[in-house]
PDB file of all heavy atoms in Angstrom:
ATOM      1  N   LEU A   1      -1.816  10.178  -1.724  1.00  0.00           N
ATOM      2  CA  LEU A   1      -1.359  10.357  -0.342  1.00  0.00           C
ATOM      3  C   LEU A   1       0.160  10.518  -0.300  1.00  0.00           C
ATOM      4  O   LEU A   1       0.680  11.377   0.404  1.00  0.00           O
ATOM      5  CB  LEU A   1      -1.784   9.177   0.537  1.00  0.00           C
ATOM      6  CG  LEU A   1      -3.245   9.096   0.928  1.00  0.00           C
ATOM      7  CD1 LEU A   1      -3.501   7.835   1.752  1.00  0.00           C
ATOM      8  CD2 LEU A   1      -3.694  10.321   1.690  1.00  0.00           C
ATOM      9  N   LEU A   2       0.861   9.685  -1.053  1.00  0.00           N
ATOM     10  CA  LEU A   2       2.324   9.797  -1.097  1.00  0.00           C
ATOM     11  C   LEU A   2       2.749  11.134  -1.682  1.00  0.00           C
ATOM     12  O   LEU A   2       3.636  11.801  -1.138  1.00  0.00           O
ATOM     13  CB  LEU A   2       2.918   8.652  -1.926  1.00  0.00           C
ATOM     14  CG  LEU A   2       3.016   7.306  -1.226  1.00  0.00           C
ATOM     15  CD1 LEU A   2       3.371   6.217  -2.220  1.00  0.00           C
ATOM     16  CD2 LEU A   2       4.017   7.352  -0.101  1.00  0.00           C
ATOM     17  N   ASP A   3       2.131  11.537  -2.786  1.00  0.00           N
ATOM     18  CA  ASP A   3       2.485  12.803  -3.431  1.00  0.00           C
ATOM     19  C   ASP A   3       2.198  13.990  -2.516  1.00  0.00           C
ATOM     20  O   ASP A   3       2.974  14.938  -2.461  1.00  0.00           O
ATOM     21  CB  ASP A   3       1.716  12.982  -4.742  1.00  0.00           C
ATOM     22  CG  ASP A   3       2.136  11.980  -5.808  1.00  0.00           C
ATOM     23  OD1 ASP A   3       3.144  11.276  -5.618  1.00  0.00           O
ATOM     24  OD2 ASP A   3       1.426  11.894  -6.835  1.00  0.00           O
ATOM     25  N   GLY A   4       1.099  13.937  -1.785  1.00  0.00           N
ATOM     26  CA  GLY A   4       0.697  15.047  -0.932  1.00  0.00           C
ATOM     27  C   GLY A   4       1.396  15.109   0.399  1.00  0.00           C
ATOM     28  O   GLY A   4       1.271  16.091   1.132  1.00  0.00           O
ATOM     29  N   HIS A   5       2.119  14.054   0.736  1.00  0.00           N
ATOM     30  CA  HIS A   5       2.801  14.015   2.033  1.00  0.00           C
ATOM     31  C   HIS A   5       4.269  13.623   1.861  1.00  0.00           C
ATOM     32  O   HIS A   5       4.812  12.845   2.648  1.00  0.00           O
ATOM     33  CB  HIS A   5       2.101  13.018   2.967  1.00  0.00           C
ATOM     34  CG  HIS A   5       0.721  13.409   3.337  1.00  0.00           C
ATOM     35  ND1 HIS A   5      -0.370  13.067   2.577  1.00  0.00           N
ATOM     36  CD2 HIS A   5       0.250  14.145   4.363  1.00  0.00           C
ATOM     37  CE1 HIS A   5      -1.464  13.556   3.133  1.00  0.00           C
ATOM     38  NE2 HIS A   5      -1.114  14.221   4.207  1.00  0.00           N
ATOM     39  N   SER A   6       4.891  14.179   0.859  1.00  0.00           N
ATOM     40  CA  SER A   6       6.277  13.810   0.554  1.00  0.00           C
ATOM     41  C   SER A   6       7.251  14.218   1.658  1.00  0.00           C
ATOM     42  O   SER A   6       8.354  13.703   1.730  1.00  0.00           O
ATOM     43  CB  SER A   6       6.704  14.411  -0.787  1.00  0.00           C
ATOM     44  OG  SER A   6       6.590  15.825  -0.742  1.00  0.00           O
ATOM     45  N   ASP A   7       6.829  15.117   2.532  1.00  0.00           N
ATOM     46  CA  ASP A   7       7.689  15.553   3.626  1.00  0.00           C
ATOM     47  C   ASP A   7       7.629  14.610   4.826  1.00  0.00           C
ATOM     48  O   ASP A   7       8.386  14.748   5.768  1.00  0.00           O
ATOM     49  CB  ASP A   7       7.305  16.963   4.075  1.00  0.00           C
ATOM     50  CG  ASP A   7       5.852  17.049   4.532  1.00  0.00           C
ATOM     51  OD1 ASP A   7       5.001  16.341   3.958  1.00  0.00           O
ATOM     52  OD2 ASP A   7       5.568  17.810   5.470  1.00  0.00           O
ATOM     53  N   LYS A   8       6.723  13.667   4.801  1.00  0.00           N
ATOM     54  CA  LYS A   8       6.538  12.737   5.916  1.00  0.00           C
ATOM     55  C   LYS A   8       7.401  11.491   5.696  1.00  0.00           C
ATOM     56  O   LYS A   8       7.779  11.156   4.583  1.00  0.00           O
ATOM     57  CB  LYS A   8       5.065  12.302   6.035  1.00  0.00           C
ATOM     58  CG  LYS A   8       4.089  13.446   6.127  1.00  0.00           C
ATOM     59  CD  LYS A   8       4.178  14.139   7.468  1.00  0.00           C
ATOM     60  CE  LYS A   8       3.093  15.155   7.624  1.00  0.00           C
ATOM     61  NZ  LYS A   8       3.433  16.508   7.312  1.00  0.00           N
ATOM     62  N   ASN A   9       7.671  10.779   6.764  1.00  0.00           N
ATOM     63  CA  ASN A   9       8.417   9.535   6.686  1.00  0.00           C
ATOM     64  C   ASN A   9       7.426   8.400   6.423  1.00  0.00           C
ATOM     65  O   ASN A   9       6.947   7.766   7.349  1.00  0.00           O
ATOM     66  CB  ASN A   9       9.185   9.311   7.991  1.00  0.00           C
ATOM     67  CG  ASN A   9      10.078   8.100   7.919  1.00  0.00           C
ATOM     68  OD1 ASN A   9      10.362   7.586   6.837  1.00  0.00           O
ATOM     69  ND2 ASN A   9      10.509   7.625   9.063  1.00  0.00           N
ATOM     70  N   LEU A  10       7.107   8.186   5.154  1.00  0.00           N
ATOM     71  CA  LEU A  10       6.154   7.150   4.759  1.00  0.00           C
ATOM     72  C   LEU A  10       6.900   5.945   4.209  1.00  0.00           C
ATOM     73  O   LEU A  10       7.964   6.079   3.592  1.00  0.00           O
ATOM     74  CB  LEU A  10       5.192   7.685   3.697  1.00  0.00           C
ATOM     75  CG  LEU A  10       4.414   8.945   4.063  1.00  0.00           C
ATOM     76  CD1 LEU A  10       3.523   9.362   2.912  1.00  0.00           C
ATOM     77  CD2 LEU A  10       3.599   8.716   5.313  1.00  0.00           C
ATOM     78  N   GLN A  11       6.332   4.776   4.432  1.00  0.00           N
ATOM     79  CA  GLN A  11       6.906   3.546   3.913  1.00  0.00           C
ATOM     80  C   GLN A  11       5.937   2.935   2.910  1.00  0.00           C
ATOM     81  O   GLN A  11       4.723   3.005   3.104  1.00  0.00           O
ATOM     82  CB  GLN A  11       7.133   2.535   5.034  1.00  0.00           C
ATOM     83  CG  GLN A  11       8.062   3.004   6.134  1.00  0.00           C
ATOM     84  CD  GLN A  11       8.170   1.926   7.191  1.00  0.00           C
ATOM     85  OE1 GLN A  11       8.982   1.034   7.083  1.00  0.00           O
ATOM     86  NE2 GLN A  11       7.322   2.008   8.206  1.00  0.00           N
ATOM     87  N   VAL A  12       6.475   2.315   1.881  1.00  0.00           N
ATOM     88  CA  VAL A  12       5.660   1.649   0.873  1.00  0.00           C
ATOM     89  C   VAL A  12       5.996   0.160   0.913  1.00  0.00           C
ATOM     90  O   VAL A  12       7.162  -0.223   0.787  1.00  0.00           O
ATOM     91  CB  VAL A  12       5.933   2.215  -0.539  1.00  0.00           C
ATOM     92  CG1 VAL A  12       5.112   1.478  -1.589  1.00  0.00           C
ATOM     93  CG2 VAL A  12       5.644   3.712  -0.575  1.00  0.00           C
ATOM     94  N   VAL A  13       4.984  -0.674   1.097  1.00  0.00           N
ATOM     95  CA  VAL A  13       5.181  -2.123   1.119  1.00  0.00           C
ATOM     96  C   VAL A  13       5.575  -2.579  -0.286  1.00  0.00           C
ATOM     97  O   VAL A  13       4.928  -2.211  -1.271  1.00  0.00           O
ATOM     98  CB  VAL A  13       3.902  -2.852   1.590  1.00  0.00           C
ATOM     99  CG1 VAL A  13       4.073  -4.361   1.498  1.00  0.00           C
ATOM    100  CG2 VAL A  13       3.554  -2.428   3.023  1.00  0.00           C
ATOM    101  N   SER A  14       6.649  -3.338  -0.380  1.00  0.00           N
ATOM    102  CA  SER A  14       7.102  -3.841  -1.681  1.00  0.00           C
ATOM    103  C   SER A  14       5.985  -4.616  -2.362  1.00  0.00           C
ATOM    104  O   SER A  14       5.306  -5.420  -1.716  1.00  0.00           O
ATOM    105  CB  SER A  14       8.314  -4.756  -1.512  1.00  0.00           C
ATOM    106  OG  SER A  14       9.418  -4.037  -1.048  1.00  0.00           O
ATOM    107  N   PRO A  15       5.812  -4.394  -3.664  1.00  0.00           N
ATOM    108  CA  PRO A  15       4.712  -5.054  -4.367  1.00  0.00           C
ATOM    109  C   PRO A  15       4.902  -6.550  -4.552  1.00  0.00           C
ATOM    110  O   PRO A  15       3.941  -7.273  -4.757  1.00  0.00           O
ATOM    111  CB  PRO A  15       4.658  -4.341  -5.713  1.00  0.00           C
ATOM    112  CG  PRO A  15       6.012  -3.752  -5.891  1.00  0.00           C
ATOM    113  CD  PRO A  15       6.544  -3.477  -4.514  1.00  0.00           C
ATOM    114  N   SER A  16       6.124  -7.022  -4.454  1.00  0.00           N
ATOM    115  CA  SER A  16       6.362  -8.449  -4.612  1.00  0.00           C
ATOM    116  C   SER A  16       7.315  -8.905  -3.522  1.00  0.00           C
ATOM    117  O   SER A  16       8.378  -8.324  -3.325  1.00  0.00           O
ATOM    118  CB  SER A  16       6.960  -8.746  -5.982  1.00  0.00           C
ATOM    119  OG  SER A  16       7.166 -10.126  -6.136  1.00  0.00           O
ATOM    120  N   ILE A  17       6.896  -9.941  -2.806  1.00  0.00           N
ATOM    121  CA  ILE A  17       7.684 -10.467  -1.709  1.00  0.00           C
ATOM    122  C   ILE A  17       7.921 -11.951  -1.998  1.00  0.00           C
ATOM    123  O   ILE A  17       6.997 -12.748  -2.012  1.00  0.00           O
ATOM    124  CB  ILE A  17       6.931 -10.299  -0.373  1.00  0.00           C
ATOM    125  CG1 ILE A  17       6.563  -8.827  -0.179  1.00  0.00           C
ATOM    126  CG2 ILE A  17       7.752 -10.828   0.781  1.00  0.00           C
ATOM    127  CD1 ILE A  17       5.455  -8.604   0.801  1.00  0.00           C
ATOM    128  N   ASP A  18       9.159 -12.287  -2.266  1.00  0.00           N
ATOM    129  CA  ASP A  18       9.486 -13.674  -2.595  1.00  0.00           C
ATOM    130  C   ASP A  18       8.580 -14.224  -3.696  1.00  0.00           C
ATOM    131  O   ASP A  18       8.097 -15.353  -3.619  1.00  0.00           O
ATOM    132  CB  ASP A  18       9.410 -14.565  -1.354  1.00  0.00           C
ATOM    133  CG  ASP A  18      10.393 -14.141  -0.279  1.00  0.00           C
ATOM    134  OD1 ASP A  18      11.486 -13.668  -0.634  1.00  0.00           O
ATOM    135  OD2 ASP A  18      10.060 -14.276   0.907  1.00  0.00           O
ATOM    136  N   GLY A  19       8.298 -13.390  -4.692  1.00  0.00           N
ATOM    137  CA  GLY A  19       7.464 -13.821  -5.808  1.00  0.00           C
ATOM    138  C   GLY A  19       5.970 -13.770  -5.536  1.00  0.00           C
ATOM    139  O   GLY A  19       5.170 -14.146  -6.374  1.00  0.00           O
ATOM    140  N   LYS A  20       5.579 -13.294  -4.345  1.00  0.00           N
ATOM    141  CA  LYS A  20       4.159 -13.191  -3.998  1.00  0.00           C
ATOM    142  C   LYS A  20       3.797 -11.718  -3.871  1.00  0.00           C
ATOM    143  O   LYS A  20       4.581 -10.924  -3.371  1.00  0.00           O
ATOM    144  CB  LYS A  20       3.874 -13.889  -2.671  1.00  0.00           C
ATOM    145  CG  LYS A  20       4.280 -15.340  -2.635  1.00  0.00           C
ATOM    146  CD  LYS A  20       4.130 -15.889  -1.222  1.00  0.00           C
ATOM    147  CE  LYS A  20       4.931 -17.134  -1.057  1.00  0.00           C
ATOM    148  NZ  LYS A  20       6.100 -16.978  -0.223  1.00  0.00           N
ATOM    149  N   SER A  21       2.596 -11.361  -4.313  1.00  0.00           N
ATOM    150  CA  SER A  21       2.122  -9.988  -4.212  1.00  0.00           C
ATOM    151  C   SER A  21       0.806  -9.951  -3.459  1.00  0.00           C
ATOM    152  O   SER A  21       0.021 -10.903  -3.519  1.00  0.00           O
ATOM    153  CB  SER A  21       1.910  -9.396  -5.605  1.00  0.00           C
ATOM    154  OG  SER A  21       3.110  -9.360  -6.313  1.00  0.00           O
ATOM    155  N   PHE A  22       0.546  -8.840  -2.770  1.00  0.00           N
ATOM    156  CA  PHE A  22      -0.733  -8.677  -2.091  1.00  0.00           C
ATOM    157  C   PHE A  22      -1.845  -8.496  -3.115  1.00  0.00           C
ATOM    158  O   PHE A  22      -1.661  -7.813  -4.117  1.00  0.00           O
ATOM    159  CB  PHE A  22      -0.694  -7.470  -1.139  1.00  0.00           C
ATOM    160  CG  PHE A  22       0.022  -7.762   0.139  1.00  0.00           C
ATOM    161  CD1 PHE A  22       1.369  -7.494   0.265  1.00  0.00           C
ATOM    162  CD2 PHE A  22      -0.655  -8.320   1.212  1.00  0.00           C
ATOM    163  CE1 PHE A  22       2.040  -7.776   1.440  1.00  0.00           C
ATOM    164  CE2 PHE A  22       0.006  -8.599   2.398  1.00  0.00           C
ATOM    165  CZ  PHE A  22       1.352  -8.328   2.508  1.00  0.00           C
ATOM    166  N   LYS A  23      -2.995  -9.124  -2.831  1.00  0.00           N
ATOM    167  CA  LYS A  23      -4.173  -9.029  -3.689  1.00  0.00           C
ATOM    168  C   LYS A  23      -5.366  -8.610  -2.837  1.00  0.00           C
ATOM    169  O   LYS A  23      -5.432  -8.939  -1.661  1.00  0.00           O
ATOM    170  CB  LYS A  23      -4.481 -10.386  -4.329  1.00  0.00           C
ATOM    171  CG  LYS A  23      -3.386 -10.931  -5.215  1.00  0.00           C
ATOM    172  CD  LYS A  23      -3.717 -12.359  -5.636  1.00  0.00           C
ATOM    173  CE  LYS A  23      -2.588 -13.014  -6.381  1.00  0.00           C
ATOM    174  NZ  LYS A  23      -1.419 -13.305  -5.612  1.00  0.00           N
ATOM    175  N   ASN A  24      -6.312  -7.910  -3.466  1.00  0.00           N
ATOM    176  CA  ASN A  24      -7.551  -7.538  -2.792  1.00  0.00           C
ATOM    177  C   ASN A  24      -8.529  -8.706  -2.807  1.00  0.00           C
ATOM    178  O   ASN A  24      -8.716  -9.338  -3.845  1.00  0.00           O
ATOM    179  CB  ASN A  24      -8.210  -6.343  -3.494  1.00  0.00           C
ATOM    180  CG  ASN A  24      -7.641  -5.038  -3.027  1.00  0.00           C
ATOM    181  OD1 ASN A  24      -7.548  -4.798  -1.830  1.00  0.00           O
ATOM    182  ND2 ASN A  24      -7.263  -4.187  -3.956  1.00  0.00           N
ATOM    183  N   PHE A  25      -9.163  -8.950  -1.671  1.00  0.00           N
ATOM    184  CA  PHE A  25     -10.165 -10.007  -1.574  1.00  0.00           C
ATOM    185  C   PHE A  25     -11.500  -9.501  -1.049  1.00  0.00           C
ATOM    186  O   PHE A  25     -12.521 -10.139  -1.260  1.00  0.00           O
ATOM    187  CB  PHE A  25      -9.659 -11.154  -0.680  1.00  0.00           C
ATOM    188  CG  PHE A  25      -8.542 -11.950  -1.292  1.00  0.00           C
ATOM    189  CD1 PHE A  25      -7.227 -11.664  -0.979  1.00  0.00           C
ATOM    190  CD2 PHE A  25      -8.804 -12.965  -2.194  1.00  0.00           C
ATOM    191  CE1 PHE A  25      -6.184 -12.390  -1.545  1.00  0.00           C
ATOM    192  CE2 PHE A  25      -7.771 -13.698  -2.777  1.00  0.00           C
ATOM    193  CZ  PHE A  25      -6.456 -13.404  -2.447  1.00  0.00           C
ATOM    194  N   GLY A  26     -11.533  -8.374  -0.345  1.00  0.00           N
ATOM    195  CA  GLY A  26     -12.770  -7.855   0.228  1.00  0.00           C
ATOM    196  C   GLY A  26     -13.511  -6.944  -0.732  1.00  0.00           C
ATOM    197  O   GLY A  26     -12.974  -6.519  -1.753  1.00  0.00           O
ATOM    198  N   ALA A  27     -14.747  -6.610  -0.394  1.00  0.00           N
ATOM    199  CA  ALA A  27     -15.545  -5.708  -1.224  1.00  0.00           C
ATOM    200  C   ALA A  27     -15.069  -4.270  -1.100  1.00  0.00           C
ATOM    201  O   ALA A  27     -15.275  -3.465  -2.001  1.00  0.00           O
ATOM    202  CB  ALA A  27     -17.026  -5.803  -0.845  1.00  0.00           C
ATOM    203  N   ARG A  28     -14.436  -3.933   0.011  1.00  0.00           N
ATOM    204  CA  ARG A  28     -13.914  -2.577   0.214  1.00  0.00           C
ATOM    205  C   ARG A  28     -12.484  -2.554  -0.325  1.00  0.00           C
ATOM    206  O   ARG A  28     -11.569  -3.089   0.284  1.00  0.00           O
ATOM    207  CB  ARG A  28     -13.937  -2.235   1.704  1.00  0.00           C
ATOM    208  CG  ARG A  28     -13.625  -0.777   1.994  1.00  0.00           C
ATOM    209  CD  ARG A  28     -13.600  -0.485   3.470  1.00  0.00           C
ATOM    210  NE  ARG A  28     -14.920  -0.584   4.083  1.00  0.00           N
ATOM    211  CZ  ARG A  28     -15.150  -0.320   5.363  1.00  0.00           C
ATOM    212  NH1 ARG A  28     -14.157   0.034   6.161  1.00  0.00           N
ATOM    213  NH2 ARG A  28     -16.366  -0.420   5.851  1.00  0.00           N
ATOM    214  N   ILE A  29     -12.301  -1.939  -1.483  1.00  0.00           N
ATOM    215  CA  ILE A  29     -11.002  -1.935  -2.153  1.00  0.00           C
ATOM    216  C   ILE A  29     -10.052  -0.902  -1.553  1.00  0.00           C
ATOM    217  O   ILE A  29      -8.854  -1.118  -1.472  1.00  0.00           O
ATOM    218  CB  ILE A  29     -11.187  -1.663  -3.668  1.00  0.00           C
ATOM    219  CG1 ILE A  29     -12.087  -2.738  -4.305  1.00  0.00           C
ATOM    220  CG2 ILE A  29      -9.852  -1.591  -4.388  1.00  0.00           C
ATOM    221  CD1 ILE A  29     -11.583  -4.152  -4.167  1.00  0.00           C
ATOM    222  N   THR A  30     -10.583   0.224  -1.129  1.00  0.00           N
ATOM    223  CA  THR A  30      -9.784   1.292  -0.528  1.00  0.00           C
ATOM    224  C   THR A  30     -10.096   1.331   0.958  1.00  0.00           C
ATOM    225  O   THR A  30     -11.256   1.494   1.339  1.00  0.00           O
ATOM    226  CB  THR A  30     -10.127   2.648  -1.180  1.00  0.00           C
ATOM    227  OG1 THR A  30      -9.863   2.558  -2.582  1.00  0.00           O
ATOM    228  CG2 THR A  30      -9.310   3.764  -0.578  1.00  0.00           C
ATOM    229  N   PHE A  31      -9.065   1.156   1.783  1.00  0.00           N
ATOM    230  CA  PHE A  31      -9.293   1.162   3.230  1.00  0.00           C
ATOM    231  C   PHE A  31      -8.031   1.576   3.967  1.00  0.00           C
ATOM    232  O   PHE A  31      -6.935   1.521   3.433  1.00  0.00           O
ATOM    233  CB  PHE A  31      -9.791  -0.200   3.725  1.00  0.00           C
ATOM    234  CG  PHE A  31      -8.807  -1.337   3.534  1.00  0.00           C
ATOM    235  CD1 PHE A  31      -7.998  -1.754   4.590  1.00  0.00           C
ATOM    236  CD2 PHE A  31      -8.706  -2.006   2.327  1.00  0.00           C
ATOM    237  CE1 PHE A  31      -7.101  -2.801   4.433  1.00  0.00           C
ATOM    238  CE2 PHE A  31      -7.811  -3.060   2.165  1.00  0.00           C
ATOM    239  CZ  PHE A  31      -7.010  -3.459   3.219  1.00  0.00           C
ATOM    240  N   GLY A  32      -8.218   1.996   5.184  1.00  0.00           N
ATOM    241  CA  GLY A  32      -7.083   2.379   6.005  1.00  0.00           C
ATOM    242  C   GLY A  32      -7.513   2.603   7.431  1.00  0.00           C
ATOM    243  O   GLY A  32      -8.708   2.573   7.753  1.00  0.00           O
ATOM    244  N   GLY A  33      -6.560   2.845   8.282  1.00  0.00           N
ATOM    245  CA  GLY A  33      -6.850   3.099   9.680  1.00  0.00           C
ATOM    246  C   GLY A  33      -5.644   2.842  10.547  1.00  0.00           C
ATOM    247  O   GLY A  33      -4.541   2.574  10.066  1.00  0.00           O
TER     248      GLY A  33
END
């Protein structure tokens, strides 16, 4: 998505925040909306 929309103003959430990273917990690994 990032590669295909490089002309858009997209933001990427930092992978580590104060030493904590987001982890997947649900059965649906890929999601959006």
